[in-house]
Amino acid sequence: MPEKALLKSLLKLIYPQYPIGARFSELEKNGVITGSTIQINQRSLGCSAFCSIQITVDKKEIDPVINYIKKISQEIQFIFRNPKNNIVLIVGCRELDELSNLKDIIRKNKSVLDLKVETWIGVKNMPENLELSKESHKEISFKVSTENQKTDLELDSIDLQIIDKLTKSSMQPFNNIAKEIGTSINTVSRKYRNLVNNHIIRPVLQINPHKLGYNAMVIIALSFASQSDMASVIRAVMSIKDTFHITKTNGNYDLLFQVFVRDIDQLLLTQYQVASIPGISNIEISVCPVPLQWPLQAETISTF
């Protein structure tokens, strides 16, 4: 499983003297490992587009607007408040018309002053890219593929139930899942292998980044000069320490990426490295608190 790379680094870094099982238990006991989930190929579940929406509101009305948005749609995956007192949403849509409807509903709130949308055209989701130790960083590949992963696997109701169960915990025994959905262990095992091999799901551990010394999450938006090469910029971004999520976008920016940082020195180094990338015409940087449980449930699987 892809989650093994992160687990191996955690175990060796924090509890080198313990056997594997005891190390894992200690990581759970001390709140380093907080759970497990899966990344999902959302297109295989009928979600045709993902986007991020930045909403500008009067700072006194942020909490009421967030509560208003939470009641709108089940497709809103993530809501957070950035340092500029804006609300940021991560949204999945089965049809682009849904996005237009969502924007219209949000704008009807009188406290909303402005709304900007960045449509995602590609995602590289890399929780294993955290540089927990020198050994862990050696395992990361910086090869960039421009081809989306595709699958012809048709999902049935059992597949969807398995995905739902794994979203809550990707490490639960197959016999538990089989009992809950009323099928055999062999069926669950076979379908799980098909889902993984066809790039529909990817299991990941969830951790508390604070426990590993990360104190902030940096979100960086880049616009390219006309002659810039997307692949070369992505390679440069992937070489920045603790970059874990890259998104190609269609909107005001060409690329969004996220980095965990431990201290001000790493933040300043990250800013310097970004500013040194050739072909960048505009940079916007936001610094946010790290989530207490990361990765989030059912994040989008890498598409490039």
Protein backbone atom coordinates (compact mmCIF):
# COMPACT_ATOMS: atom_id res chain seq x y z
CA MET A 1 0.00 0.00 0.00
CA PRO A 2 1.23 3.56 -0.65
CA GLU A 3 0.57 4.37 3.01
CA LYS A 4 3.44 2.04 3.96
CA ALA A 5 6.10 4.54 2.84
CA LEU A 6 4.85 7.18 5.28
CA LEU A 7 4.33 4.59 8.03
CA LYS A 8 7.85 3.20 7.60
CA SER A 9 9.37 6.67 7.93
CA LEU A 10 7.27 7.50 11.00
CA LEU A 11 8.17 4.28 12.78
CA LYS A 12 11.91 4.57 12.17
CA LEU A 13 12.01 8.27 13.00
CA ILE A 14 10.13 8.23 16.30
CA TYR A 15 10.44 4.70 17.75
CA PRO A 16 13.57 3.07 16.23
CA GLN A 17 14.06 0.79 19.25
CA TYR A 18 10.61 -0.87 19.11
CA PRO A 19 9.31 -3.75 16.97
CA ILE A 20 6.98 -2.61 14.16
CA GLY A 21 3.72 -3.49 15.93
CA ALA A 22 4.73 -1.74 19.15
CA ARG A 23 5.91 1.32 17.23
CA PHE A 24 2.57 1.61 15.45
CA SER A 25 0.69 1.34 18.75
CA GLU A 26 2.85 4.06 20.28
CA LEU A 27 2.20 6.36 17.31
CA GLU A 28 -1.55 5.87 17.74
CA LYS A 29 -1.36 6.23 21.53
CA ASN A 30 0.53 9.52 21.26
CA GLY A 31 -1.79 10.96 18.61
CA VAL A 32 0.71 10.95 15.72
CA ILE A 33 -1.37 8.50 13.66
CA THR A 34 -4.99 9.63 13.90
CA GLY A 35 -6.70 7.28 11.43
CA SER A 36 -6.69 6.20 7.81
CA THR A 37 -8.69 6.94 4.69
CA ILE A 38 -8.48 6.72 0.90
CA GLN A 39 -7.88 9.08 -1.94
CA ILE A 40 -10.51 8.60 -4.64
CA ASN A 41 -10.65 8.99 -8.41
CA GLN A 42 -13.71 11.20 -8.20
CA ARG A 43 -14.40 11.01 -11.94
CA SER A 44 -15.06 7.29 -11.56
CA LEU A 45 -17.83 8.22 -9.09
CA GLY A 46 -19.41 10.67 -11.54
CA CYS A 47 -17.76 13.88 -10.34
CA SER A 48 -16.77 15.71 -13.54
CA ALA A 49 -15.04 18.74 -11.99
CA PHE A 50 -13.39 19.98 -8.83
CA CYS A 51 -12.68 23.59 -8.01
CA SER A 52 -11.66 25.92 -5.23
CA ILE A 53 -13.86 28.92 -4.49
CA GLN A 54 -12.60 31.97 -2.61
CA ILE A 55 -15.36 34.04 -1.04
CA THR A 56 -14.76 37.55 0.28
CA VAL A 57 -17.06 38.60 3.11
CA ASP A 58 -17.20 41.16 5.88
CA LYS A 59 -14.98 39.62 8.57
CA LYS A 60 -17.75 40.09 11.16
CA GLU A 61 -20.00 37.83 9.07
CA ILE A 62 -17.60 34.97 8.35
CA ASP A 63 -19.07 32.44 10.79
CA PRO A 64 -22.71 33.04 9.72
CA VAL A 65 -21.71 32.73 6.05
CA ILE A 66 -19.82 29.47 6.72
CA ASN A 67 -22.91 28.08 8.45
CA TYR A 68 -25.02 29.22 5.49
CA ILE A 69 -22.69 27.46 3.02
CA LYS A 70 -22.63 24.21 5.01
CA LYS A 71 -26.38 23.86 4.46
CA ILE A 72 -26.15 24.22 0.67
CA SER A 73 -24.57 21.07 -0.77
CA GLN A 74 -23.16 17.68 0.11
CA GLU A 75 -20.52 18.15 -2.61
CA ILE A 76 -18.54 20.70 -0.58
CA GLN A 77 -15.53 18.71 0.58
CA PHE A 78 -13.66 21.27 2.64
CA ILE A 79 -14.27 24.75 4.09
CA PHE A 80 -11.64 26.87 5.77
CA ARG A 81 -10.91 30.50 6.64
CA ASN A 82 -7.69 31.95 5.28
CA PRO A 83 -5.56 34.70 6.91
CA LYS A 84 -7.14 37.39 4.71
CA ASN A 85 -10.53 36.70 6.29
CA ASN A 86 -11.78 34.98 3.14
CA ILE A 87 -13.68 31.70 3.05
CA VAL A 88 -12.21 29.00 0.81
CA LEU A 89 -14.20 25.98 -0.38
CA ILE A 90 -13.14 22.80 -2.15
CA VAL A 91 -16.12 21.65 -4.23
CA GLY A 92 -16.87 18.67 -6.45
CA CYS A 93 -19.56 18.83 -9.15
CA ARG A 94 -21.16 16.12 -11.25
CA GLU A 95 -22.14 18.70 -13.86
CA LEU A 96 -20.76 22.18 -14.48
CA ASP A 97 -24.31 23.51 -14.13
CA GLU A 98 -24.09 22.52 -10.45
CA LEU A 99 -21.14 24.89 -10.04
CA SER A 100 -23.11 27.76 -11.59
CA ASN A 101 -26.04 27.05 -9.29
CA LEU A 102 -23.77 26.90 -6.25
CA LYS A 103 -22.20 30.27 -7.14
CA ASP A 104 -25.66 31.82 -7.54
CA ILE A 105 -26.80 30.52 -4.15
CA ILE A 106 -23.64 31.79 -2.41
CA ARG A 107 -23.99 35.24 -4.02
CA LYS A 108 -27.54 35.53 -2.68
CA ASN A 109 -26.10 35.87 0.81
CA LYS A 110 -25.95 39.63 1.42
CA SER A 111 -22.67 39.35 3.34
CA VAL A 112 -20.81 37.95 0.30
CA LEU A 113 -18.78 40.73 -1.34
CA ASP A 114 -16.87 38.81 -4.01
CA LEU A 115 -16.39 35.28 -5.34
CA LYS A 116 -13.52 33.78 -7.37
CA VAL A 117 -13.37 30.26 -8.82
CA GLU A 118 -10.32 28.18 -9.77
CA THR A 119 -11.33 25.07 -11.73
CA TRP A 120 -9.01 22.10 -11.19
CA ILE A 121 -7.70 20.44 -14.36
CA GLY A 122 -5.22 18.13 -12.67
CA VAL A 123 -4.15 17.06 -9.17
CA LYS A 124 -0.96 15.58 -7.74
CA ASN A 125 -1.69 14.44 -4.18
CA MET A 126 1.46 13.35 -2.32
CA PRO A 127 1.09 12.85 1.46
CA GLU A 128 4.16 10.61 1.36
CA ASN A 129 6.26 13.58 0.19
CA LEU A 130 6.76 14.95 3.72
CA GLU A 131 10.46 14.93 4.54
CA LEU A 132 10.17 13.17 7.88
CA SER A 133 13.69 11.82 7.60
CA LYS A 134 16.53 11.69 5.07
CA GLU A 135 15.53 8.16 4.12
CA SER A 136 11.90 9.04 3.50
CA HIS A 137 12.81 11.82 1.08
CA LYS A 138 14.90 9.45 -1.04
CA GLU A 139 11.79 7.43 -1.82
CA ILE A 140 10.07 10.31 -3.66
CA SER A 141 10.04 10.36 -7.46
CA PHE A 142 10.04 13.70 -9.26
CA LYS A 143 8.98 12.37 -12.64
CA VAL A 144 6.00 14.31 -13.99
CA SER A 145 3.46 12.60 -16.27
CA THR A 146 1.07 14.67 -18.36
CA GLU A 147 -1.36 11.81 -18.96
CA ASN A 148 -4.38 11.38 -16.71
CA GLN A 149 -4.87 7.95 -15.20
CA LYS A 150 -7.91 6.36 -16.80
CA THR A 151 -9.94 3.28 -15.99
CA ASP A 152 -12.62 1.28 -17.78
CA LEU A 153 -13.76 -0.50 -14.61
CA GLU A 154 -17.51 -0.25 -14.12
CA LEU A 155 -18.46 0.18 -10.47
CA ASP A 156 -21.44 -1.59 -8.94
CA SER A 157 -23.22 -1.04 -5.64
CA ILE A 158 -20.79 -3.30 -3.74
CA ASP A 159 -17.82 -1.30 -5.04
CA LEU A 160 -19.46 1.92 -3.87
CA GLN A 161 -20.19 0.48 -0.43
CA ILE A 162 -16.58 -0.69 -0.08
CA ILE A 163 -15.32 2.77 -1.05
CA ASP A 164 -17.64 4.34 1.52
CA LYS A 165 -16.35 2.02 4.29
CA LEU A 166 -12.68 2.58 3.35
CA THR A 167 -13.16 6.35 3.38
CA LYS A 168 -13.82 6.11 7.11
CA SER A 169 -10.93 3.69 7.71
CA SER A 170 -8.76 2.18 5.00
CA MET A 171 -7.11 -0.23 7.47
CA GLN A 172 -10.20 -2.02 8.73
CA PRO A 173 -10.28 -5.82 8.17
CA PHE A 174 -12.02 -7.10 5.05
CA ASN A 175 -14.18 -9.44 7.14
CA ASN A 176 -15.68 -6.41 8.96
CA ILE A 177 -16.54 -4.77 5.65
CA ALA A 178 -17.96 -8.04 4.29
CA LYS A 179 -20.27 -8.45 7.29
CA GLU A 180 -21.49 -4.86 7.17
CA ILE A 181 -22.38 -4.89 3.47
CA GLY A 182 -23.57 -8.51 3.32
CA THR A 183 -21.02 -10.16 1.03
CA SER A 184 -18.02 -12.51 1.26
CA ILE A 185 -14.46 -11.69 2.31
CA ASN A 186 -13.22 -12.98 -1.07
CA THR A 187 -15.52 -10.54 -2.87
CA VAL A 188 -14.29 -7.60 -0.80
CA SER A 189 -10.66 -8.64 -1.29
CA ARG A 190 -11.06 -9.06 -5.07
CA LYS A 191 -12.91 -5.78 -5.50
CA TYR A 192 -10.40 -3.94 -3.32
CA ARG A 193 -7.52 -5.13 -5.53
CA ASN A 194 -9.44 -4.04 -8.64
CA LEU A 195 -10.15 -0.61 -7.17
CA VAL A 196 -6.49 -0.07 -6.28
CA ASN A 197 -5.04 -1.53 -9.50
CA ASN A 198 -7.38 0.58 -11.63
CA HIS A 199 -6.37 3.79 -9.83
CA ILE A 200 -9.84 4.38 -8.37
CA ILE A 201 -8.67 4.41 -4.74
CA ARG A 202 -5.38 4.86 -2.91
CA PRO A 203 -5.10 4.10 0.83
CA VAL A 204 -3.36 6.67 3.05
CA LEU A 205 -2.63 7.07 6.75
CA GLN A 206 -3.92 10.13 8.57
CA ILE A 207 -1.62 11.94 10.96
CA ASN A 208 -1.56 15.04 13.17
CA PRO A 209 1.08 17.26 11.51
CA HIS A 210 1.60 19.19 14.77
CA LYS A 211 2.96 16.02 16.37
CA LEU A 212 5.66 15.89 13.69
CA GLY A 213 6.71 19.49 14.21
CA TYR A 214 4.76 21.21 11.43
CA ASN A 215 3.28 24.52 12.58
CA ALA A 216 1.77 26.06 9.45
CA MET A 217 0.38 25.21 6.03
CA VAL A 218 1.42 27.47 3.15
CA ILE A 219 -0.85 27.76 0.10
CA ILE A 220 0.90 29.23 -2.94
CA ALA A 221 -0.78 30.35 -6.17
CA LEU A 222 1.30 30.88 -9.32
CA SER A 223 0.61 32.55 -12.66
CA PHE A 224 2.92 31.72 -15.56
CA ALA A 225 4.49 33.94 -18.15
CA SER A 226 3.31 33.05 -21.67
CA GLN A 227 6.46 31.09 -22.51
CA SER A 228 6.52 29.01 -19.32
CA ASP A 229 6.60 25.22 -19.50
CA MET A 230 4.10 23.62 -17.09
CA ALA A 231 6.10 20.42 -16.59
CA SER A 232 9.32 22.25 -15.67
CA VAL A 233 7.51 24.46 -13.16
CA ILE A 234 5.88 21.40 -11.58
CA ARG A 235 9.28 19.70 -11.26
CA ALA A 236 10.63 22.79 -9.52
CA VAL A 237 7.64 22.87 -7.15
CA MET A 238 8.00 19.18 -6.33
CA SER A 239 11.62 19.74 -5.35
CA ILE A 240 10.53 22.15 -2.59
CA LYS A 241 10.69 20.41 0.77
CA ASP A 242 7.37 19.21 2.23
CA THR A 243 5.24 20.05 -0.81
CA PHE A 244 2.32 17.61 -0.61
CA HIS A 245 -0.40 18.81 -2.99
CA ILE A 246 -0.22 20.40 -6.47
CA THR A 247 -3.20 21.48 -8.54
CA LYS A 248 -3.28 22.63 -12.16
CA THR A 249 -6.02 25.25 -12.41
CA ASN A 250 -8.00 27.21 -14.97
CA GLY A 251 -8.77 30.67 -13.62
CA ASN A 252 -6.80 33.57 -12.19
CA TYR A 253 -3.84 31.24 -11.54
CA ASP A 254 -2.19 28.36 -13.39
CA LEU A 255 -0.95 26.34 -10.42
CA LEU A 256 -1.80 26.00 -6.73
CA PHE A 257 0.33 24.03 -4.29
CA GLN A 258 0.49 23.40 -0.56
CA VAL A 259 3.49 23.01 1.74
CA PHE A 260 3.79 22.18 5.43
CA VAL A 261 6.45 24.24 7.23
CA ARG A 262 8.01 23.81 10.66
CA ASP A 263 9.26 27.34 11.36
CA ILE A 264 9.92 30.81 9.95
CA ASP A 265 13.24 29.68 8.44
CA GLN A 266 11.51 27.03 6.34
CA LEU A 267 8.80 29.51 5.35
CA LEU A 268 11.39 32.06 4.16
CA LEU A 269 13.31 29.36 2.29
CA THR A 270 10.10 28.19 0.60
CA GLN A 271 9.30 31.76 -0.48
CA TYR A 272 12.83 32.17 -1.87
CA GLN A 273 12.63 28.88 -3.80
CA VAL A 274 9.27 29.82 -5.31
CA ALA A 275 10.50 33.27 -6.33
CA SER A 276 13.49 31.61 -8.03
CA ILE A 277 11.38 29.47 -10.38
CA PRO A 278 11.79 30.76 -13.97
CA GLY A 279 8.73 31.89 -15.91
CA ILE A 280 6.52 32.94 -12.97
CA SER A 281 4.64 36.21 -13.52
CA ASN A 282 2.65 36.40 -10.27
CA ILE A 283 2.82 34.77 -6.83
CA GLU A 284 0.30 34.83 -3.99
CA ILE A 285 1.11 33.20 -0.65
CA SER A 286 -1.26 32.45 2.24
CA VAL A 287 -0.21 30.97 5.59
CA CYS A 288 -2.83 28.88 7.43
CA PRO A 289 -2.96 26.62 10.49
CA VAL A 290 -2.26 22.96 9.84
CA PRO A 291 -5.26 20.59 10.09
CA LEU A 292 -5.33 18.35 13.16
CA GLN A 293 -6.06 15.32 10.96
CA TRP A 294 -4.45 15.06 7.55
CA PRO A 295 -4.97 13.98 4.77
CA LEU A 296 -8.69 14.73 4.78
CA GLN A 297 -11.18 11.99 4.03
CA ALA A 298 -11.72 11.10 0.36
CA GLU A 299 -9.33 13.62 -1.17
CA THR A 300 -8.86 13.47 -4.94
CA ILE A 301 -6.36 10.89 -6.16
CA SER A 302 -3.45 12.08 -8.32
CA THR A 303 -4.36 12.55 -11.99
CA PHE A 304 -0.87 13.38 -13.30
